[in-house]
Amino acid sequence: KGIGAVIDGCPAGLPLDIDYMQAELDRRRPGQ
């Protein structure tokens, strides 16, 4: 049904740029 990851230990207060994360996934994704 899907895949995923759990990250433990990342410090609090880090701004998380979802668009950047998606751009990184787009570089790896199939069919590009």
PDB file of all heavy atoms in Angstrom:
ATOM      1  N   LYS A   1       0.812  -1.215   0.000  1.00  0.00           N
ATOM      2  CA  LYS A   1       0.000   0.000   0.000  1.00  0.00           C
ATOM      3  C   LYS A   1       0.849   1.269   0.000  1.00  0.00           C
ATOM      4  O   LYS A   1       0.412   2.314  -0.481  1.00  0.00           O
ATOM      5  CB  LYS A   1      -0.934   0.000   1.211  1.00  0.00           C
ATOM      6  CG  LYS A   1      -2.019  -1.066   1.148  1.00  0.00           C
ATOM      7  CD  LYS A   1      -2.957  -0.965   2.337  1.00  0.00           C
ATOM      8  CE  LYS A   1      -4.067  -2.001   2.240  1.00  0.00           C
ATOM      9  NZ  LYS A   1      -5.004  -1.916   3.401  1.00  0.00           N
ATOM     10  N   GLY A   2       2.042   1.161   0.558  1.00  0.00           N
ATOM     11  CA  GLY A   2       2.883   2.346   0.593  1.00  0.00           C
ATOM     12  C   GLY A   2       4.179   2.079   1.315  1.00  0.00           C
ATOM     13  O   GLY A   2       4.459   0.968   1.769  1.00  0.00           O
ATOM     14  N   ILE A   3       4.999   3.113   1.417  1.00  0.00           N
ATOM     15  CA  ILE A   3       6.279   3.046   2.099  1.00  0.00           C
ATOM     16  C   ILE A   3       6.407   4.292   2.970  1.00  0.00           C
ATOM     17  O   ILE A   3       5.577   5.215   2.888  1.00  0.00           O
ATOM     18  CB  ILE A   3       7.456   2.985   1.104  1.00  0.00           C
ATOM     19  CG1 ILE A   3       7.396   4.180   0.125  1.00  0.00           C
ATOM     20  CG2 ILE A   3       7.458   1.675   0.339  1.00  0.00           C
ATOM     21  CD1 ILE A   3       8.559   4.242  -0.824  1.00  0.00           C
ATOM     22  N   GLY A   4       7.434   4.342   3.788  1.00  0.00           N
ATOM     23  CA  GLY A   4       7.596   5.532   4.611  1.00  0.00           C
ATOM     24  C   GLY A   4       8.804   5.443   5.510  1.00  0.00           C
ATOM     25  O   GLY A   4       9.592   4.491   5.454  1.00  0.00           O
ATOM     26  N   ALA A   5       8.958   6.458   6.350  1.00  0.00           N
ATOM     27  CA  ALA A   5      10.092   6.532   7.263  1.00  0.00           C
ATOM     28  C   ALA A   5       9.664   7.188   8.564  1.00  0.00           C
ATOM     29  O   ALA A   5       8.766   8.043   8.579  1.00  0.00           O
ATOM     30  CB  ALA A   5      11.242   7.321   6.636  1.00  0.00           C
ATOM     31  N   VAL A   6      10.311   6.788   9.651  1.00  0.00           N
ATOM     32  CA  VAL A   6      10.158   7.439  10.945  1.00  0.00           C
ATOM     33  C   VAL A   6      11.522   7.968  11.358  1.00  0.00           C
ATOM     34  O   VAL A   6      12.509   7.226  11.364  1.00  0.00           O
ATOM     35  CB  VAL A   6       9.625   6.471  12.018  1.00  0.00           C
ATOM     36  CG1 VAL A   6       9.523   7.180  13.372  1.00  0.00           C
ATOM     37  CG2 VAL A   6       8.266   5.906  11.614  1.00  0.00           C
ATOM     38  N   ILE A   7      11.595   9.248  11.682  1.00  0.00           N
ATOM     39  CA  ILE A   7      12.845   9.877  12.093  1.00  0.00           C
ATOM     40  C   ILE A   7      12.769  10.188  13.585  1.00  0.00           C
ATOM     41  O   ILE A   7      11.881  10.913  14.032  1.00  0.00           O
ATOM     42  CB  ILE A   7      13.094  11.182  11.314  1.00  0.00           C
ATOM     43  CG1 ILE A   7      13.069  10.922   9.803  1.00  0.00           C
ATOM     44  CG2 ILE A   7      14.417  11.820  11.731  1.00  0.00           C
ATOM     45  CD1 ILE A   7      13.072  12.193   8.978  1.00  0.00           C
ATOM     46  N   ASP A   8      13.687   9.621  14.341  1.00  0.00           N
ATOM     47  CA  ASP A   8      13.817   9.933  15.764  1.00  0.00           C
ATOM     48  C   ASP A   8      15.058  10.814  15.953  1.00  0.00           C
ATOM     49  O   ASP A   8      16.071  10.623  15.279  1.00  0.00           O
ATOM     50  CB  ASP A   8      13.997   8.663  16.592  1.00  0.00           C
ATOM     51  CG  ASP A   8      12.704   7.892  16.751  1.00  0.00           C
ATOM     52  OD1 ASP A   8      11.723   8.499  17.186  1.00  0.00           O
ATOM     53  OD2 ASP A   8      12.691   6.686  16.444  1.00  0.00           O
ATOM     54  N   GLY A   9      14.983  11.757  16.878  1.00  0.00           N
ATOM     55  CA  GLY A   9      16.167  12.517  17.258  1.00  0.00           C
ATOM     56  C   GLY A   9      16.366  13.826  16.539  1.00  0.00           C
ATOM     57  O   GLY A   9      17.362  14.516  16.794  1.00  0.00           O
ATOM     58  N   CYS A  10      15.448  14.204  15.666  1.00  0.00           N
ATOM     59  CA  CYS A  10      15.592  15.504  15.005  1.00  0.00           C
ATOM     60  C   CYS A  10      15.250  16.597  16.027  1.00  0.00           C
ATOM     61  O   CYS A  10      14.191  16.559  16.652  1.00  0.00           O
ATOM     62  CB  CYS A  10      14.662  15.614  13.800  1.00  0.00           C
ATOM     63  SG  CYS A  10      14.862  17.155  12.866  1.00  0.00           S
ATOM     64  N   PRO A  11      16.120  17.566  16.217  1.00  0.00           N
ATOM     65  CA  PRO A  11      15.859  18.611  17.223  1.00  0.00           C
ATOM     66  C   PRO A  11      14.572  19.377  16.940  1.00  0.00           C
ATOM     67  O   PRO A  11      14.168  19.541  15.778  1.00  0.00           O
ATOM     68  CB  PRO A  11      17.088  19.525  17.097  1.00  0.00           C
ATOM     69  CG  PRO A  11      18.144  18.685  16.480  1.00  0.00           C
ATOM     70  CD  PRO A  11      17.423  17.744  15.561  1.00  0.00           C
ATOM     71  N   ALA A  12      13.936  19.835  17.991  1.00  0.00           N
ATOM     72  CA  ALA A  12      12.741  20.653  17.843  1.00  0.00           C
ATOM     73  C   ALA A  12      13.104  22.040  17.338  1.00  0.00           C
ATOM     74  O   ALA A  12      14.216  22.526  17.548  1.00  0.00           O
ATOM     75  CB  ALA A  12      12.027  20.770  19.186  1.00  0.00           C
ATOM     76  N   GLY A  13      12.158  22.661  16.633  1.00  0.00           N
ATOM     77  CA  GLY A  13      12.346  24.032  16.172  1.00  0.00           C
ATOM     78  C   GLY A  13      12.930  24.171  14.792  1.00  0.00           C
ATOM     79  O   GLY A  13      13.148  25.301  14.318  1.00  0.00           O
ATOM     80  N   LEU A  14      13.175  23.043  14.094  1.00  0.00           N
ATOM     81  CA  LEU A  14      13.722  23.119  12.741  1.00  0.00           C
ATOM     82  C   LEU A  14      12.597  23.405  11.749  1.00  0.00           C
ATOM     83  O   LEU A  14      11.643  22.624  11.652  1.00  0.00           O
ATOM     84  CB  LEU A  14      14.401  21.803  12.369  1.00  0.00           C
ATOM     85  CG  LEU A  14      14.945  21.710  10.944  1.00  0.00           C
ATOM     86  CD1 LEU A  14      16.154  22.623  10.773  1.00  0.00           C
ATOM     87  CD2 LEU A  14      15.311  20.263  10.589  1.00  0.00           C
ATOM     88  N   PRO A  15      12.669  24.497  11.002  1.00  0.00           N
ATOM     89  CA  PRO A  15      11.651  24.746   9.969  1.00  0.00           C
ATOM     90  C   PRO A  15      11.695  23.637   8.920  1.00  0.00           C
ATOM     91  O   PRO A  15      12.764  23.325   8.394  1.00  0.00           O
ATOM     92  CB  PRO A  15      12.077  26.099   9.375  1.00  0.00           C
ATOM     93  CG  PRO A  15      12.911  26.737  10.432  1.00  0.00           C
ATOM     94  CD  PRO A  15      13.639  25.603  11.111  1.00  0.00           C
ATOM     95  N   LEU A  16      10.541  23.035   8.644  1.00  0.00           N
ATOM     96  CA  LEU A  16      10.479  21.919   7.711  1.00  0.00           C
ATOM     97  C   LEU A  16       9.812  22.381   6.417  1.00  0.00           C
ATOM     98  O   LEU A  16       8.629  22.706   6.406  1.00  0.00           O
ATOM     99  CB  LEU A  16       9.706  20.757   8.322  1.00  0.00           C
ATOM    100  CG  LEU A  16      10.040  19.381   7.767  1.00  0.00           C
ATOM    101  CD1 LEU A  16      11.446  18.986   8.131  1.00  0.00           C
ATOM    102  CD2 LEU A  16       9.064  18.331   8.295  1.00  0.00           C
ATOM    103  N   ASP A  17      10.579  22.412   5.359  1.00  0.00           N
ATOM    104  CA  ASP A  17      10.107  22.862   4.057  1.00  0.00           C
ATOM    105  C   ASP A  17       9.559  21.667   3.283  1.00  0.00           C
ATOM    106  O   ASP A  17      10.326  20.893   2.696  1.00  0.00           O
ATOM    107  CB  ASP A  17      11.263  23.529   3.300  1.00  0.00           C
ATOM    108  CG  ASP A  17      10.830  24.184   2.004  1.00  0.00           C
ATOM    109  OD1 ASP A  17       9.747  23.845   1.500  1.00  0.00           O
ATOM    110  OD2 ASP A  17      11.592  25.022   1.479  1.00  0.00           O
ATOM    111  N   ILE A  18       8.246  21.494   3.284  1.00  0.00           N
ATOM    112  CA  ILE A  18       7.627  20.351   2.613  1.00  0.00           C
ATOM    113  C   ILE A  18       7.855  20.420   1.105  1.00  0.00           C
ATOM    114  O   ILE A  18       8.043  19.385   0.450  1.00  0.00           O
ATOM    115  CB  ILE A  18       6.121  20.290   2.917  1.00  0.00           C
ATOM    116  CG1 ILE A  18       5.887  20.242   4.439  1.00  0.00           C
ATOM    117  CG2 ILE A  18       5.495  19.064   2.255  1.00  0.00           C
ATOM    118  CD1 ILE A  18       6.508  19.056   5.120  1.00  0.00           C
ATOM    119  N   ASP A  19       7.846  21.614   0.540  1.00  0.00           N
ATOM    120  CA  ASP A  19       8.079  21.750  -0.904  1.00  0.00           C
ATOM    121  C   ASP A  19       9.476  21.264  -1.274  1.00  0.00           C
ATOM    122  O   ASP A  19       9.667  20.632  -2.316  1.00  0.00           O
ATOM    123  CB  ASP A  19       7.900  23.209  -1.333  1.00  0.00           C
ATOM    124  CG  ASP A  19       6.452  23.664  -1.252  1.00  0.00           C
ATOM    125  OD1 ASP A  19       5.554  22.798  -1.301  1.00  0.00           O
ATOM    126  OD2 ASP A  19       6.220  24.884  -1.146  1.00  0.00           O
ATOM    127  N   TYR A  20      10.454  21.560  -0.425  1.00  0.00           N
ATOM    128  CA  TYR A  20      11.818  21.088  -0.677  1.00  0.00           C
ATOM    129  C   TYR A  20      11.871  19.562  -0.596  1.00  0.00           C
ATOM    130  O   TYR A  20      12.494  18.905  -1.440  1.00  0.00           O
ATOM    131  CB  TYR A  20      12.786  21.704   0.334  1.00  0.00           C
ATOM    132  CG  TYR A  20      14.183  21.125   0.263  1.00  0.00           C
ATOM    133  CD1 TYR A  20      15.050  21.471  -0.771  1.00  0.00           C
ATOM    134  CD2 TYR A  20      14.634  20.208   1.219  1.00  0.00           C
ATOM    135  CE1 TYR A  20      16.322  20.927  -0.845  1.00  0.00           C
ATOM    136  CE2 TYR A  20      15.900  19.665   1.149  1.00  0.00           C
ATOM    137  CZ  TYR A  20      16.743  20.032   0.115  1.00  0.00           C
ATOM    138  OH  TYR A  20      18.004  19.485   0.032  1.00  0.00           O
ATOM    139  N   MET A  21      11.219  18.997   0.412  1.00  0.00           N
ATOM    140  CA  MET A  21      11.193  17.549   0.543  1.00  0.00           C
ATOM    141  C   MET A  21      10.559  16.903  -0.681  1.00  0.00           C
ATOM    142  O   MET A  21      11.061  15.900  -1.205  1.00  0.00           O
ATOM    143  CB  MET A  21      10.418  17.154   1.802  1.00  0.00           C
ATOM    144  CG  MET A  21      10.469  15.667   2.123  1.00  0.00           C
ATOM    145  SD  MET A  21       9.387  15.222   3.512  1.00  0.00           S
ATOM    146  CE  MET A  21      10.069  16.259   4.801  1.00  0.00           C
ATOM    147  N   GLN A  22       9.473  17.489  -1.169  1.00  0.00           N
ATOM    148  CA  GLN A  22       8.816  16.951  -2.354  1.00  0.00           C
ATOM    149  C   GLN A  22       9.699  17.074  -3.587  1.00  0.00           C
ATOM    150  O   GLN A  22       9.748  16.171  -4.429  1.00  0.00           O
ATOM    151  CB  GLN A  22       7.487  17.670  -2.578  1.00  0.00           C
ATOM    152  CG  GLN A  22       6.624  17.030  -3.659  1.00  0.00           C
ATOM    153  CD  GLN A  22       6.237  15.603  -3.316  1.00  0.00           C
ATOM    154  OE1 GLN A  22       5.663  15.342  -2.270  1.00  0.00           O
ATOM    155  NE2 GLN A  22       6.575  14.676  -4.203  1.00  0.00           N
ATOM    156  N   ALA A  23      10.425  18.174  -3.686  1.00  0.00           N
ATOM    157  CA  ALA A  23      11.341  18.361  -4.818  1.00  0.00           C
ATOM    158  C   ALA A  23      12.438  17.297  -4.810  1.00  0.00           C
ATOM    159  O   ALA A  23      12.849  16.804  -5.877  1.00  0.00           O
ATOM    160  CB  ALA A  23      11.947  19.759  -4.768  1.00  0.00           C
ATOM    161  N   GLU A  24      12.921  16.943  -3.628  1.00  0.00           N
ATOM    162  CA  GLU A  24      13.925  15.889  -3.533  1.00  0.00           C
ATOM    163  C   GLU A  24      13.346  14.550  -3.988  1.00  0.00           C
ATOM    164  O   GLU A  24      14.000  13.786  -4.708  1.00  0.00           O
ATOM    165  CB  GLU A  24      14.439  15.780  -2.097  1.00  0.00           C
ATOM    166  CG  GLU A  24      15.323  16.928  -1.657  1.00  0.00           C
ATOM    167  CD  GLU A  24      16.624  16.953  -2.427  1.00  0.00           C
ATOM    168  OE1 GLU A  24      17.538  16.169  -2.106  1.00  0.00           O
ATOM    169  OE2 GLU A  24      16.736  17.773  -3.374  1.00  0.00           O
ATOM    170  N   LEU A  25      12.122  14.261  -3.589  1.00  0.00           N
ATOM    171  CA  LEU A  25      11.467  13.029  -4.023  1.00  0.00           C
ATOM    172  C   LEU A  25      11.233  13.025  -5.530  1.00  0.00           C
ATOM    173  O   LEU A  25      11.331  11.983  -6.186  1.00  0.00           O
ATOM    174  CB  LEU A  25      10.147  12.846  -3.281  1.00  0.00           C
ATOM    175  CG  LEU A  25      10.274  12.322  -1.853  1.00  0.00           C
ATOM    176  CD1 LEU A  25       8.986  12.549  -1.079  1.00  0.00           C
ATOM    177  CD2 LEU A  25      10.623  10.834  -1.861  1.00  0.00           C
ATOM    178  N   ASP A  26      10.924  14.176  -6.089  1.00  0.00           N
ATOM    179  CA  ASP A  26      10.706  14.270  -7.534  1.00  0.00           C
ATOM    180  C   ASP A  26      11.978  13.951  -8.312  1.00  0.00           C
ATOM    181  O   ASP A  26      11.924  13.457  -9.441  1.00  0.00           O
ATOM    182  CB  ASP A  26      10.214  15.675  -7.907  1.00  0.00           C
ATOM    183  CG  ASP A  26       8.787  15.942  -7.433  1.00  0.00           C
ATOM    184  OD1 ASP A  26       8.091  14.972  -7.077  1.00  0.00           O
ATOM    185  OD2 ASP A  26       8.395  17.119  -7.401  1.00  0.00           O
ATOM    186  N   ARG A  27      13.128  14.238  -7.727  1.00  0.00           N
ATOM    187  CA  ARG A  27      14.401  13.918  -8.384  1.00  0.00           C
ATOM    188  C   ARG A  27      14.611  12.406  -8.460  1.00  0.00           C
ATOM    189  O   ARG A  27      15.278  11.913  -9.377  1.00  0.00           O
ATOM    190  CB  ARG A  27      15.573  14.537  -7.622  1.00  0.00           C
ATOM    191  CG  ARG A  27      15.581  16.063  -7.578  1.00  0.00           C
ATOM    192  CD  ARG A  27      16.682  16.563  -6.655  1.00  0.00           C
ATOM    193  NE  ARG A  27      18.009  16.285  -7.183  1.00  0.00           N
ATOM    194  CZ  ARG A  27      19.099  16.128  -6.447  1.00  0.00           C
ATOM    195  NH1 ARG A  27      19.005  16.179  -5.115  1.00  0.00           N
ATOM    196  NH2 ARG A  27      20.269  15.903  -7.002  1.00  0.00           N
ATOM    197  N   ARG A  28      14.062  11.674  -7.511  1.00  0.00           N
ATOM    198  CA  ARG A  28      14.248  10.220  -7.464  1.00  0.00           C
ATOM    199  C   ARG A  28      13.112   9.436  -8.116  1.00  0.00           C
ATOM    200  O   ARG A  28      13.309   8.298  -8.570  1.00  0.00           O
ATOM    201  CB  ARG A  28      14.363   9.768  -6.000  1.00  0.00           C
ATOM    202  CG  ARG A  28      14.855   8.314  -5.810  1.00  0.00           C
ATOM    203  CD  ARG A  28      14.062   7.591  -4.737  1.00  0.00           C
ATOM    204  NE  ARG A  28      12.703   7.333  -5.164  1.00  0.00           N
ATOM    205  CZ  ARG A  28      12.284   6.181  -5.706  1.00  0.00           C
ATOM    206  NH1 ARG A  28      13.109   5.174  -5.849  1.00  0.00           N
ATOM    207  NH2 ARG A  28      11.006   6.040  -6.083  1.00  0.00           N
ATOM    208  N   ARG A  29      11.936  10.034  -8.209  1.00  0.00           N
ATOM    209  CA  ARG A  29      10.735   9.271  -8.547  1.00  0.00           C
ATOM    210  C   ARG A  29      10.832   8.650  -9.947  1.00  0.00           C
ATOM    211  O   ARG A  29      11.544   9.158 -10.827  1.00  0.00           O
ATOM    212  CB  ARG A  29       9.496  10.160  -8.449  1.00  0.00           C
ATOM    213  CG  ARG A  29       9.307  11.158  -9.574  1.00  0.00           C
ATOM    214  CD  ARG A  29       7.984  11.908  -9.406  1.00  0.00           C
ATOM    215  NE  ARG A  29       7.764  12.843 -10.491  1.00  0.00           N
ATOM    216  CZ  ARG A  29       7.229  12.514 -11.668  1.00  0.00           C
ATOM    217  NH1 ARG A  29       6.859  11.263 -11.887  1.00  0.00           N
ATOM    218  NH2 ARG A  29       7.064  13.416 -12.607  1.00  0.00           N
ATOM    219  N   PRO A  30      10.105   7.556 -10.166  1.00  0.00           N
ATOM    220  CA  PRO A  30      10.085   6.917 -11.485  1.00  0.00           C
ATOM    221  C   PRO A  30       9.302   7.748 -12.487  1.00  0.00           C
ATOM    222  O   PRO A  30       8.576   8.678 -12.128  1.00  0.00           O
ATOM    223  CB  PRO A  30       9.390   5.583 -11.205  1.00  0.00           C
ATOM    224  CG  PRO A  30       8.517   5.865 -10.020  1.00  0.00           C
ATOM    225  CD  PRO A  30       9.286   6.841  -9.178  1.00  0.00           C
ATOM    226  N   GLY A  31       9.477   7.413 -13.757  1.00  0.00           N
ATOM    227  CA  GLY A  31       8.707   8.051 -14.814  1.00  0.00           C
ATOM    228  C   GLY A  31       9.093   9.482 -15.114  1.00  0.00           C
ATOM    229  O   GLY A  31       8.349  10.214 -15.777  1.00  0.00           O
ATOM    230  N   GLN A  32      10.280   9.925 -14.674  1.00  0.00           N
ATOM    231  CA  GLN A  32      10.654  11.323 -14.866  1.00  0.00           C
ATOM    232  C   GLN A  32      11.298  11.604 -16.215  1.00  0.00           C
ATOM    233  O   GLN A  32      11.462  12.751 -16.597  1.00  0.00           O
ATOM    234  CB  GLN A  32      11.594  11.776 -13.743  1.00  0.00           C
ATOM    235  CG  GLN A  32      12.891  10.986 -13.638  1.00  0.00           C
ATOM    236  CD  GLN A  32      13.760  11.435 -12.489  1.00  0.00           C
ATOM    237  OE1 GLN A  32      14.532  12.368 -12.638  1.00  0.00           O
ATOM    238  NE2 GLN A  32      13.630  10.791 -11.337  1.00  0.00           N
TER     239      GLN A  32
END
